[in-house]
Amino acid sequence: MFDKLMRALFPSRRHEAARVDPLIVKSLVRGIMTARPDEIGCGECFEELDCFVEMKLAGRDVTEAMPLVHDHLQRCGPCREEFEALLMALRSMA
């Protein structure tokens, strides 16, 4: 499968395919294979983040209450960092 992906990425430059980090390719393939048809993007996730954090701090099951936001945070490092920073800030104020 890796060889097929490399040929698809670099059809005319096979020598450059060797320079591609296999861990990055594996991560990309995993993201593609586990994508959901109802995924949300970073903008929508960011709009819902305050509500998500409030629910988390209240002890609610955010996986059940806001599954799309939870799923996005599992997949997106920058949004997860925003979530963790907001969560930490609100916990320090309490």
PDB file of N, CA and C in Angstrom:
ATOM      1  N   MET A   1       0.822  -1.186   0.000  1.00  0.00           N
ATOM      2  CA  MET A   1       0.000   0.000   0.000  1.00  0.00           C
ATOM      3  C   MET A   1       0.870   1.255   0.000  1.00  0.00           C
ATOM      4  N   PHE A   2       1.956   1.232   0.776  1.00  0.00           N
ATOM      5  CA  PHE A   2       2.845   2.388   0.842  1.00  0.00           C
ATOM      6  C   PHE A   2       3.414   2.723  -0.531  1.00  0.00           C
ATOM      7  N   ASP A   3       3.832   1.696  -1.287  1.00  0.00           N
ATOM      8  CA  ASP A   3       4.390   1.918  -2.628  1.00  0.00           C
ATOM      9  C   ASP A   3       3.366   2.551  -3.553  1.00  0.00           C
ATOM     10  N   LYS A   4       2.126   2.097  -3.476  1.00  0.00           N
ATOM     11  CA  LYS A   4       1.072   2.666  -4.319  1.00  0.00           C
ATOM     12  C   LYS A   4       0.838   4.131  -3.968  1.00  0.00           C
ATOM     13  N   LEU A   5       0.853   4.437  -2.679  1.00  0.00           N
ATOM     14  CA  LEU A   5       0.656   5.815  -2.254  1.00  0.00           C
ATOM     15  C   LEU A   5       1.800   6.697  -2.736  1.00  0.00           C
ATOM     16  N   MET A   6       3.025   6.196  -2.642  1.00  0.00           N
ATOM     17  CA  MET A   6       4.184   6.966  -3.100  1.00  0.00           C
ATOM     18  C   MET A   6       4.127   7.216  -4.597  1.00  0.00           C
ATOM     19  N   ARG A   7       3.712   6.210  -5.360  1.00  0.00           N
ATOM     20  CA  ARG A   7       3.579   6.396  -6.803  1.00  0.00           C
ATOM     21  C   ARG A   7       2.493   7.409  -7.121  1.00  0.00           C
ATOM     22  N   ALA A   8       1.435   7.418  -6.298  1.00  0.00           N
ATOM     23  CA  ALA A   8       0.366   8.390  -6.519  1.00  0.00           C
ATOM     24  C   ALA A   8       0.827   9.802  -6.164  1.00  0.00           C
ATOM     25  N   LEU A   9       1.621   9.916  -5.117  1.00  0.00           N
ATOM     26  CA  LEU A   9       2.116  11.231  -4.700  1.00  0.00           C
ATOM     27  C   LEU A   9       3.195  11.766  -5.634  1.00  0.00           C
ATOM     28  N   PHE A  10       4.050  10.866  -6.119  1.00  0.00           N
ATOM     29  CA  PHE A  10       5.175  11.260  -6.958  1.00  0.00           C
ATOM     30  C   PHE A  10       5.235  10.388  -8.202  1.00  0.00           C
ATOM     31  N   PRO A  11       4.277  10.537  -9.130  1.00  0.00           N
ATOM     32  CA  PRO A  11       4.227   9.636 -10.287  1.00  0.00           C
ATOM     33  C   PRO A  11       5.442   9.741 -11.205  1.00  0.00           C
ATOM     34  N   SER A  12       6.022  10.908 -11.358  1.00  0.00           N
ATOM     35  CA  SER A  12       7.142  11.048 -12.291  1.00  0.00           C
ATOM     36  C   SER A  12       8.482  11.201 -11.577  1.00  0.00           C
ATOM     37  N   ARG A  13       8.475  11.227 -10.263  1.00  0.00           N
ATOM     38  CA  ARG A  13       9.728  11.444  -9.524  1.00  0.00           C
ATOM     39  C   ARG A  13       9.883  10.382  -8.437  1.00  0.00           C
ATOM     40  N   ARG A  14      10.133   9.179  -8.819  1.00  0.00           N
ATOM     41  CA  ARG A  14      10.238   8.089  -7.849  1.00  0.00           C
ATOM     42  C   ARG A  14      11.377   8.298  -6.863  1.00  0.00           C
ATOM     43  N   HIS A  15      12.451   8.926  -7.280  1.00  0.00           N
ATOM     44  CA  HIS A  15      13.577   9.122  -6.377  1.00  0.00           C
ATOM     45  C   HIS A  15      13.223  10.054  -5.217  1.00  0.00           C
ATOM     46  N   GLU A  16      12.250  10.950  -5.402  1.00  0.00           N
ATOM     47  CA  GLU A  16      11.841  11.850  -4.328  1.00  0.00           C
ATOM     48  C   GLU A  16      10.942  11.156  -3.317  1.00  0.00           C
ATOM     49  N   ALA A  17      10.292  10.083  -3.715  1.00  0.00           N
ATOM     50  CA  ALA A  17       9.400   9.376  -2.794  1.00  0.00           C
ATOM     51  C   ALA A  17      10.166   8.846  -1.588  1.00  0.00           C
ATOM     52  N   ALA A  18      11.420   8.513  -1.772  1.00  0.00           N
ATOM     53  CA  ALA A  18      12.218   7.995  -0.669  1.00  0.00           C
ATOM     54  C   ALA A  18      12.449   9.047   0.410  1.00  0.00           C
ATOM     55  N   ARG A  19      12.311  10.304   0.082  1.00  0.00           N
ATOM     56  CA  ARG A  19      12.523  11.384   1.039  1.00  0.00           C
ATOM     57  C   ARG A  19      11.299  11.651   1.913  1.00  0.00           C
ATOM     58  N   VAL A  20      10.173  11.102   1.569  1.00  0.00           N
ATOM     59  CA  VAL A  20       8.947  11.308   2.324  1.00  0.00           C
ATOM     60  C   VAL A  20       9.008  10.489   3.611  1.00  0.00           C
ATOM     61  N   ASP A  21       8.726  11.120   4.729  1.00  0.00           N
ATOM     62  CA  ASP A  21       8.759  10.439   6.022  1.00  0.00           C
ATOM     63  C   ASP A  21       7.587   9.458   6.092  1.00  0.00           C
ATOM     64  N   PRO A  22       7.852   8.180   6.252  1.00  0.00           N
ATOM     65  CA  PRO A  22       6.774   7.183   6.296  1.00  0.00           C
ATOM     66  C   PRO A  22       5.800   7.414   7.443  1.00  0.00           C
ATOM     67  N   LEU A  23       6.252   7.990   8.539  1.00  0.00           N
ATOM     68  CA  LEU A  23       5.347   8.258   9.656  1.00  0.00           C
ATOM     69  C   LEU A  23       4.322   9.329   9.299  1.00  0.00           C
ATOM     70  N   ILE A  24       4.754  10.307   8.519  1.00  0.00           N
ATOM     71  CA  ILE A  24       3.823  11.347   8.074  1.00  0.00           C
ATOM     72  C   ILE A  24       2.798  10.756   7.123  1.00  0.00           C
ATOM     73  N   VAL A  25       3.258   9.934   6.208  1.00  0.00           N
ATOM     74  CA  VAL A  25       2.344   9.297   5.260  1.00  0.00           C
ATOM     75  C   VAL A  25       1.357   8.405   6.007  1.00  0.00           C
ATOM     76  N   LYS A  26       1.862   7.637   6.965  1.00  0.00           N
ATOM     77  CA  LYS A  26       0.995   6.755   7.745  1.00  0.00           C
ATOM     78  C   LYS A  26      -0.067   7.564   8.485  1.00  0.00           C
ATOM     79  N   SER A  27       0.333   8.687   9.040  1.00  0.00           N
ATOM     80  CA  SER A  27      -0.618   9.548   9.748  1.00  0.00           C
ATOM     81  C   SER A  27      -1.674  10.099   8.794  1.00  0.00           C
ATOM     82  N   LEU A  28      -1.247  10.522   7.613  1.00  0.00           N
ATOM     83  CA  LEU A  28      -2.197  11.038   6.623  1.00  0.00           C
ATOM     84  C   LEU A  28      -3.180   9.960   6.186  1.00  0.00           C
ATOM     85  N   VAL A  29      -2.672   8.774   5.925  1.00  0.00           N
ATOM     86  CA  VAL A  29      -3.540   7.674   5.494  1.00  0.00           C
ATOM     87  C   VAL A  29      -4.526   7.321   6.607  1.00  0.00           C
ATOM     88  N   ARG A  30      -4.047   7.273   7.848  1.00  0.00           N
ATOM     89  CA  ARG A  30      -4.934   6.972   8.977  1.00  0.00           C
ATOM     90  C   ARG A  30      -6.047   8.028   9.065  1.00  0.00           C
ATOM     91  N   GLY A  31      -5.685   9.295   8.884  1.00  0.00           N
ATOM     92  CA  GLY A  31      -6.689  10.350   8.922  1.00  0.00           C
ATOM     93  C   GLY A  31      -7.720  10.210   7.822  1.00  0.00           C
ATOM     94  N   ILE A  32      -7.265   9.846   6.641  1.00  0.00           N
ATOM     95  CA  ILE A  32      -8.190   9.664   5.514  1.00  0.00           C
ATOM     96  C   ILE A  32      -9.098   8.462   5.743  1.00  0.00           C
ATOM     97  N   MET A  33      -8.530   7.370   6.214  1.00  0.00           N
ATOM     98  CA  MET A  33      -9.296   6.142   6.394  1.00  0.00           C
ATOM     99  C   MET A  33     -10.312   6.238   7.534  1.00  0.00           C
ATOM    100  N   THR A  34     -10.066   7.104   8.500  1.00  0.00           N
ATOM    101  CA  THR A  34     -10.977   7.209   9.644  1.00  0.00           C
ATOM    102  C   THR A  34     -11.842   8.462   9.589  1.00  0.00           C
ATOM    103  N   ALA A  35     -11.821   9.157   8.466  1.00  0.00           N
ATOM    104  CA  ALA A  35     -12.637  10.369   8.328  1.00  0.00           C
ATOM    105  C   ALA A  35     -14.124  10.024   8.419  1.00  0.00           C
ATOM    106  N   ARG A  36     -14.859  10.955   9.023  1.00  0.00           N
ATOM    107  CA  ARG A  36     -16.303  10.782   9.151  1.00  0.00           C
ATOM    108  C   ARG A  36     -17.011  11.691   8.160  1.00  0.00           C
ATOM    109  N   PRO A  37     -18.149  11.270   7.639  1.00  0.00           N
ATOM    110  CA  PRO A  37     -18.864  12.124   6.684  1.00  0.00           C
ATOM    111  C   PRO A  37     -19.446  13.380   7.331  1.00  0.00           C
ATOM    112  N   ASP A  38     -19.627  13.354   8.659  1.00  0.00           N
ATOM    113  CA  ASP A  38     -20.223  14.501   9.340  1.00  0.00           C
ATOM    114  C   ASP A  38     -19.206  15.311  10.143  1.00  0.00           C
ATOM    115  N   GLU A  39     -17.923  15.213   9.773  1.00  0.00           N
ATOM    116  CA  GLU A  39     -16.879  15.937  10.494  1.00  0.00           C
ATOM    117  C   GLU A  39     -17.104  17.439  10.448  1.00  0.00           C
ATOM    118  N   ILE A  40     -16.583  18.117  11.472  1.00  0.00           N
ATOM    119  CA  ILE A  40     -16.609  19.573  11.468  1.00  0.00           C
ATOM    120  C   ILE A  40     -15.187  20.074  11.242  1.00  0.00           C
ATOM    121  N   GLY A  41     -15.086  21.299  10.781  1.00  0.00           N
ATOM    122  CA  GLY A  41     -13.787  21.915  10.554  1.00  0.00           C
ATOM    123  C   GLY A  41     -13.330  22.701  11.770  1.00  0.00           C
ATOM    124  N   CYS A  42     -12.170  23.293  11.652  1.00  0.00           N
ATOM    125  CA  CYS A  42     -11.585  24.045  12.758  1.00  0.00           C
ATOM    126  C   CYS A  42     -12.454  25.237  13.159  1.00  0.00           C
ATOM    127  N   GLY A  43     -13.037  25.925  12.196  1.00  0.00           N
ATOM    128  CA  GLY A  43     -13.866  27.087  12.502  1.00  0.00           C
ATOM    129  C   GLY A  43     -15.065  26.726  13.358  1.00  0.00           C
ATOM    130  N   GLU A  44     -15.781  25.689  12.957  1.00  0.00           N
ATOM    131  CA  GLU A  44     -16.950  25.263  13.724  1.00  0.00           C
ATOM    132  C   GLU A  44     -16.540  24.729  15.091  1.00  0.00           C
ATOM    133  N   CYS A  45     -15.422  24.019  15.146  1.00  0.00           N
ATOM    134  CA  CYS A  45     -14.925  23.508  16.421  1.00  0.00           C
ATOM    135  C   CYS A  45     -14.619  24.673  17.359  1.00  0.00           C
ATOM    136  N   PHE A  46     -13.937  25.682  16.827  1.00  0.00           N
ATOM    137  CA  PHE A  46     -13.572  26.838  17.644  1.00  0.00           C
ATOM    138  C   PHE A  46     -14.813  27.559  18.174  1.00  0.00           C
ATOM    139  N   GLU A  47     -15.862  27.648  17.355  1.00  0.00           N
ATOM    140  CA  GLU A  47     -17.105  28.289  17.784  1.00  0.00           C
ATOM    141  C   GLU A  47     -17.767  27.545  18.941  1.00  0.00           C
ATOM    142  N   GLU A  48     -17.599  26.238  18.997  1.00  0.00           N
ATOM    143  CA  GLU A  48     -18.225  25.408  20.021  1.00  0.00           C
ATOM    144  C   GLU A  48     -17.320  25.130  21.224  1.00  0.00           C
ATOM    145  N   LEU A  49     -16.083  25.601  21.153  1.00  0.00           N
ATOM    146  CA  LEU A  49     -15.090  25.234  22.154  1.00  0.00           C
ATOM    147  C   LEU A  49     -15.442  25.706  23.562  1.00  0.00           C
ATOM    148  N   ASP A  50     -15.978  26.911  23.696  1.00  0.00           N
ATOM    149  CA  ASP A  50     -16.313  27.410  25.040  1.00  0.00           C
ATOM    150  C   ASP A  50     -17.383  26.547  25.704  1.00  0.00           C
ATOM    151  N   CYS A  51     -18.379  26.164  24.938  1.00  0.00           N
ATOM    152  CA  CYS A  51     -19.439  25.299  25.462  1.00  0.00           C
ATOM    153  C   CYS A  51     -18.879  23.926  25.821  1.00  0.00           C
ATOM    154  N   PHE A  52     -18.000  23.414  24.972  1.00  0.00           N
ATOM    155  CA  PHE A  52     -17.381  22.111  25.208  1.00  0.00           C
ATOM    156  C   PHE A  52     -16.572  22.127  26.506  1.00  0.00           C
ATOM    157  N   VAL A  53     -15.794  23.182  26.704  1.00  0.00           N
ATOM    158  CA  VAL A  53     -14.971  23.293  27.915  1.00  0.00           C
ATOM    159  C   VAL A  53     -15.853  23.420  29.154  1.00  0.00           C
ATOM    160  N   GLU A  54     -16.911  24.213  29.072  1.00  0.00           N
ATOM    161  CA  GLU A  54     -17.823  24.364  30.215  1.00  0.00           C
ATOM    162  C   GLU A  54     -18.444  23.023  30.594  1.00  0.00           C
ATOM    163  N   MET A  55     -18.846  22.249  29.586  1.00  0.00           N
ATOM    164  CA  MET A  55     -19.410  20.928  29.862  1.00  0.00           C
ATOM    165  C   MET A  55     -18.363  20.013  30.500  1.00  0.00           C
ATOM    166  N   LYS A  56     -17.162  20.066  29.993  1.00  0.00           N
ATOM    167  CA  LYS A  56     -16.079  19.245  30.528  1.00  0.00           C
ATOM    168  C   LYS A  56     -15.830  19.613  31.995  1.00  0.00           C
ATOM    169  N   LEU A  57     -15.777  20.908  32.303  1.00  0.00           N
ATOM    170  CA  LEU A  57     -15.548  21.351  33.678  1.00  0.00           C
ATOM    171  C   LEU A  57     -16.713  20.988  34.601  1.00  0.00           C
ATOM    172  N   ALA A  58     -17.906  20.904  34.043  1.00  0.00           N
ATOM    173  CA  ALA A  58     -19.088  20.538  34.821  1.00  0.00           C
ATOM    174  C   ALA A  58     -19.187  19.028  35.038  1.00  0.00           C
ATOM    175  N   GLY A  59     -18.277  18.278  34.407  1.00  0.00           N
ATOM    176  CA  GLY A  59     -18.273  16.829  34.590  1.00  0.00           C
ATOM    177  C   GLY A  59     -19.182  16.071  33.648  1.00  0.00           C
ATOM    178  N   ARG A  60     -19.701  16.759  32.640  1.00  0.00           N
ATOM    179  CA  ARG A  60     -20.567  16.072  31.667  1.00  0.00           C
ATOM    180  C   ARG A  60     -19.737  15.217  30.723  1.00  0.00           C
ATOM    181  N   ASP A  61     -20.370  14.223  30.159  1.00  0.00           N
ATOM    182  CA  ASP A  61     -19.719  13.356  29.184  1.00  0.00           C
ATOM    183  C   ASP A  61     -19.711  14.077  27.838  1.00  0.00           C
ATOM    184  N   VAL A  62     -18.591  14.759  27.540  1.00  0.00           N
ATOM    185  CA  VAL A  62     -18.512  15.544  26.316  1.00  0.00           C
ATOM    186  C   VAL A  62     -18.485  14.665  25.071  1.00  0.00           C
ATOM    187  N   THR A  63     -18.056  13.435  25.226  1.00  0.00           N
ATOM    188  CA  THR A  63     -18.053  12.499  24.095  1.00  0.00           C
ATOM    189  C   THR A  63     -19.468  12.267  23.603  1.00  0.00           C
ATOM    190  N   GLU A  64     -20.394  12.191  24.548  1.00  0.00           N
ATOM    191  CA  GLU A  64     -21.797  11.979  24.190  1.00  0.00           C
ATOM    192  C   GLU A  64     -22.496  13.297  23.856  1.00  0.00           C
ATOM    193  N   ALA A  65     -22.202  14.347  24.617  1.00  0.00           N
ATOM    194  CA  ALA A  65     -22.890  15.623  24.432  1.00  0.00           C
ATOM    195  C   ALA A  65     -22.478  16.344  23.153  1.00  0.00           C
ATOM    196  N   MET A  66     -21.194  16.293  22.819  1.00  0.00           N
ATOM    197  CA  MET A  66     -20.684  17.005  21.644  1.00  0.00           C
ATOM    198  C   MET A  66     -19.690  16.103  20.899  1.00  0.00           C
ATOM    199  N   PRO A  67     -20.183  15.036  20.304  1.00  0.00           N
ATOM    200  CA  PRO A  67     -19.273  14.055  19.686  1.00  0.00           C
ATOM    201  C   PRO A  67     -18.442  14.608  18.537  1.00  0.00           C
ATOM    202  N   LEU A  68     -18.987  15.524  17.756  1.00  0.00           N
ATOM    203  CA  LEU A  68     -18.229  16.042  16.617  1.00  0.00           C
ATOM    204  C   LEU A  68     -17.062  16.916  17.070  1.00  0.00           C
ATOM    205  N   VAL A  69     -17.288  17.712  18.111  1.00  0.00           N
ATOM    206  CA  VAL A  69     -16.201  18.533  18.651  1.00  0.00           C
ATOM    207  C   VAL A  69     -15.148  17.618  19.275  1.00  0.00           C
ATOM    208  N   HIS A  70     -15.595  16.646  20.040  1.00  0.00           N
ATOM    209  CA  HIS A  70     -14.660  15.697  20.662  1.00  0.00           C
ATOM    210  C   HIS A  70     -13.827  14.996  19.602  1.00  0.00           C
ATOM    211  N   ASP A  71     -14.469  14.529  18.547  1.00  0.00           N
ATOM    212  CA  ASP A  71     -13.762  13.840  17.471  1.00  0.00           C
ATOM    213  C   ASP A  71     -12.752  14.773  16.808  1.00  0.00           C
ATOM    214  N   HIS A  72     -13.153  16.010  16.556  1.00  0.00           N
ATOM    215  CA  HIS A  72     -12.242  16.963  15.917  1.00  0.00           C
ATOM    216  C   HIS A  72     -11.018  17.214  16.795  1.00  0.00           C
ATOM    217  N   LEU A  73     -11.239  17.348  18.089  1.00  0.00           N
ATOM    218  CA  LEU A  73     -10.119  17.590  18.997  1.00  0.00           C
ATOM    219  C   LEU A  73      -9.166  16.400  19.052  1.00  0.00           C
ATOM    220  N   GLN A  74      -9.669  15.207  18.826  1.00  0.00           N
ATOM    221  CA  GLN A  74      -8.816  14.024  18.795  1.00  0.00           C
ATOM    222  C   GLN A  74      -7.924  14.024  17.560  1.00  0.00           C
ATOM    223  N   ARG A  75      -8.385  14.658  16.489  1.00  0.00           N
ATOM    224  CA  ARG A  75      -7.678  14.621  15.213  1.00  0.00           C
ATOM    225  C   ARG A  75      -6.821  15.856  14.946  1.00  0.00           C
ATOM    226  N   CYS A  76      -7.154  16.982  15.553  1.00  0.00           N
ATOM    227  CA  CYS A  76      -6.545  18.260  15.171  1.00  0.00           C
ATOM    228  C   CYS A  76      -5.687  18.819  16.316  1.00  0.00           C
ATOM    229  N   GLY A  77      -4.386  18.779  16.119  1.00  0.00           N
ATOM    230  CA  GLY A  77      -3.460  19.267  17.137  1.00  0.00           C
ATOM    231  C   GLY A  77      -3.653  20.731  17.513  1.00  0.00           C
ATOM    232  N   PRO A  78      -3.751  21.650  16.545  1.00  0.00           N
ATOM    233  CA  PRO A  78      -3.926  23.058  16.899  1.00  0.00           C
ATOM    234  C   PRO A  78      -5.211  23.326  17.692  1.00  0.00           C
ATOM    235  N   CYS A  79      -6.307  22.699  17.310  1.00  0.00           N
ATOM    236  CA  CYS A  79      -7.556  22.890  18.060  1.00  0.00           C
ATOM    237  C   CYS A  79      -7.460  22.259  19.452  1.00  0.00           C
ATOM    238  N   ARG A  80      -6.792  21.128  19.539  1.00  0.00           N
ATOM    239  CA  ARG A  80      -6.610  20.475  20.841  1.00  0.00           C
ATOM    240  C   ARG A  80      -5.773  21.368  21.760  1.00  0.00           C
ATOM    241  N   GLU A  81      -4.764  22.032  21.200  1.00  0.00           N
ATOM    242  CA  GLU A  81      -3.947  22.952  21.996  1.00  0.00           C
ATOM    243  C   GLU A  81      -4.781  24.120  22.508  1.00  0.00           C
ATOM    244  N   GLU A  82      -5.658  24.655  21.667  1.00  0.00           N
ATOM    245  CA  GLU A  82      -6.558  25.735  22.085  1.00  0.00           C
ATOM    246  C   GLU A  82      -7.473  25.262  23.212  1.00  0.00           C
ATOM    247  N   PHE A  83      -8.012  24.063  23.049  1.00  0.00           N
ATOM    248  CA  PHE A  83      -8.884  23.478  24.067  1.00  0.00           C
ATOM    249  C   PHE A  83      -8.138  23.332  25.387  1.00  0.00           C
ATOM    250  N   GLU A  84      -6.951  22.763  25.345  1.00  0.00           N
ATOM    251  CA  GLU A  84      -6.183  22.543  26.569  1.00  0.00           C
ATOM    252  C   GLU A  84      -5.800  23.853  27.239  1.00  0.00           C
ATOM    253  N   ALA A  85      -5.462  24.874  26.445  1.00  0.00           N
ATOM    254  CA  ALA A  85      -5.118  26.177  27.004  1.00  0.00           C
ATOM    255  C   ALA A  85      -6.327  26.815  27.683  1.00  0.00           C
ATOM    256  N   LEU A  86      -7.497  26.757  27.026  1.00  0.00           N
ATOM    257  CA  LEU A  86      -8.710  27.317  27.610  1.00  0.00           C
ATOM    258  C   LEU A  86      -9.090  26.556  28.862  1.00  0.00           C
ATOM    259  N   LEU A  87      -9.014  25.259  28.831  1.00  0.00           N
ATOM    260  CA  LEU A  87      -9.332  24.433  29.993  1.00  0.00           C
ATOM    261  C   LEU A  87      -8.404  24.775  31.167  1.00  0.00           C
ATOM    262  N   MET A  88      -7.123  24.905  30.901  1.00  0.00           N
ATOM    263  CA  MET A  88      -6.155  25.224  31.940  1.00  0.00           C
ATOM    264  C   MET A  88      -6.415  26.613  32.524  1.00  0.00           C
ATOM    265  N   ALA A  89      -6.721  27.565  31.650  1.00  0.00           N
ATOM    266  CA  ALA A  89      -6.990  28.925  32.110  1.00  0.00           C
ATOM    267  C   ALA A  89      -8.211  28.978  33.013  1.00  0.00           C
ATOM    268  N   LEU A  90      -9.266  28.291  32.615  1.00  0.00           N
ATOM    269  CA  LEU A  90     -10.483  28.311  33.431  1.00  0.00           C
ATOM    270  C   LEU A  90     -10.299  27.551  34.745  1.00  0.00           C
ATOM    271  N   ARG A  91      -9.527  26.479  34.719  1.00  0.00           N
ATOM    272  CA  ARG A  91      -9.252  25.755  35.961  1.00  0.00           C
ATOM    273  C   ARG A  91      -8.424  26.598  36.918  1.00  0.00           C
ATOM    274  N   SER A  92      -7.513  27.385  36.389  1.00  0.00           N
ATOM    275  CA  SER A  92      -6.679  28.216  37.272  1.00  0.00           C
ATOM    276  C   SER A  92      -7.475  29.364  37.894  1.00  0.00           C
ATOM    277  N   MET A  93      -8.570  29.761  37.254  1.00  0.00           N
ATOM    278  CA  MET A  93      -9.414  30.842  37.780  1.00  0.00           C
ATOM    279  C   MET A  93     -10.364  30.339  38.860  1.00  0.00           C
ATOM    280  N   ALA A  94     -10.607  29.035  38.892  1.00  0.00           N
ATOM    281  CA  ALA A  94     -11.578  28.488  39.834  1.00  0.00           C
ATOM    282  C   ALA A  94     -11.029  28.399  41.242  1.00  0.00           C
TER     283      ALA A  94
END
